[in-house]
N, C-alpha and C. Protein backbone atom coordinates (compact mmCIF):
# COMPACT_ATOMS: atom_id res chain seq x y z
N MET A 1 2.79 8.56 20.15
CA MET A 1 3.87 8.58 19.15
C MET A 1 3.93 7.21 18.45
N LYS A 2 3.91 6.16 19.26
CA LYS A 2 3.97 4.81 18.69
C LYS A 2 2.75 4.54 17.81
N LYS A 3 1.60 5.01 18.27
CA LYS A 3 0.36 4.80 17.52
C LYS A 3 0.46 5.47 16.15
N ALA A 4 0.98 6.68 16.12
CA ALA A 4 1.10 7.42 14.85
C ALA A 4 2.02 6.66 13.90
N LEU A 5 3.08 6.08 14.44
CA LEU A 5 4.02 5.32 13.61
C LEU A 5 3.33 4.10 13.01
N GLN A 6 2.52 3.42 13.82
CA GLN A 6 1.80 2.24 13.33
C GLN A 6 0.83 2.64 12.22
N VAL A 7 0.13 3.75 12.41
CA VAL A 7 -0.82 4.22 11.40
C VAL A 7 -0.09 4.56 10.11
N ALA A 8 1.06 5.22 10.23
CA ALA A 8 1.84 5.60 9.05
C ALA A 8 2.31 4.36 8.30
N MET A 9 2.80 3.36 9.03
CA MET A 9 3.26 2.12 8.40
C MET A 9 2.11 1.41 7.71
N PHE A 10 0.95 1.36 8.37
CA PHE A 10 -0.22 0.71 7.79
C PHE A 10 -0.64 1.41 6.50
N SER A 11 -0.64 2.74 6.52
CA SER A 11 -1.01 3.51 5.33
C SER A 11 -0.02 3.25 4.20
N LEU A 12 1.26 3.20 4.54
CA LEU A 12 2.30 2.98 3.53
C LEU A 12 2.11 1.61 2.87
N PHE A 13 1.90 0.58 3.69
CA PHE A 13 1.71 -0.76 3.14
C PHE A 13 0.44 -0.84 2.31
N THR A 14 -0.61 -0.13 2.73
CA THR A 14 -1.86 -0.13 1.98
C THR A 14 -1.65 0.48 0.60
N VAL A 15 -0.94 1.60 0.55
CA VAL A 15 -0.67 2.27 -0.73
C VAL A 15 0.18 1.38 -1.63
N ILE A 16 1.19 0.75 -1.05
CA ILE A 16 2.07 -0.14 -1.84
C ILE A 16 1.26 -1.31 -2.38
N GLY A 17 0.44 -1.91 -1.54
CA GLY A 17 -0.39 -3.04 -1.97
C GLY A 17 -1.36 -2.63 -3.06
N PHE A 18 -1.97 -1.45 -2.90
CA PHE A 18 -2.92 -0.96 -3.90
C PHE A 18 -2.23 -0.72 -5.23
N ASN A 19 -1.04 -0.11 -5.18
CA ASN A 19 -0.28 0.15 -6.41
C ASN A 19 0.11 -1.16 -7.09
N ALA A 20 0.54 -2.14 -6.31
CA ALA A 20 0.92 -3.44 -6.86
C ALA A 20 -0.27 -4.09 -7.55
N ARG A 21 -1.44 -4.04 -6.92
CA ARG A 21 -2.64 -4.63 -7.49
C ARG A 21 -3.03 -3.91 -8.77
N LEU A 22 -2.97 -2.58 -8.75
CA LEU A 22 -3.32 -1.79 -9.92
C LEU A 22 -2.37 -2.10 -11.07
N THR A 23 -1.08 -2.18 -10.78
CA THR A 23 -0.09 -2.50 -11.81
C THR A 23 -0.35 -3.89 -12.36
N ASN A 24 -0.70 -4.83 -11.49
CA ASN A 24 -0.97 -6.20 -11.91
C ASN A 24 -2.15 -6.23 -12.87
N ILE A 25 -3.19 -5.45 -12.57
CA ILE A 25 -4.38 -5.40 -13.43
C ILE A 25 -4.03 -4.77 -14.78
N ILE A 26 -3.26 -3.69 -14.76
CA ILE A 26 -2.91 -2.98 -15.99
C ILE A 26 -1.99 -3.83 -16.87
N MET A 27 -1.01 -4.51 -16.25
CA MET A 27 -0.02 -5.27 -17.01
C MET A 27 -0.57 -6.60 -17.50
N LYS A 28 -1.72 -7.01 -17.00
CA LYS A 28 -2.29 -8.30 -17.40
C LYS A 28 -2.66 -8.25 -18.88
N PRO A 29 -2.21 -9.21 -19.67
CA PRO A 29 -2.45 -9.20 -21.12
C PRO A 29 -3.92 -9.43 -21.47
């Protein structure tokens, strides 16, 4: 159960980080 929670958190942070990077690239003038 704890392992699944860690995996879910890691996936969530990865998606957030990827979205932030993508937004940064798109918004760059």
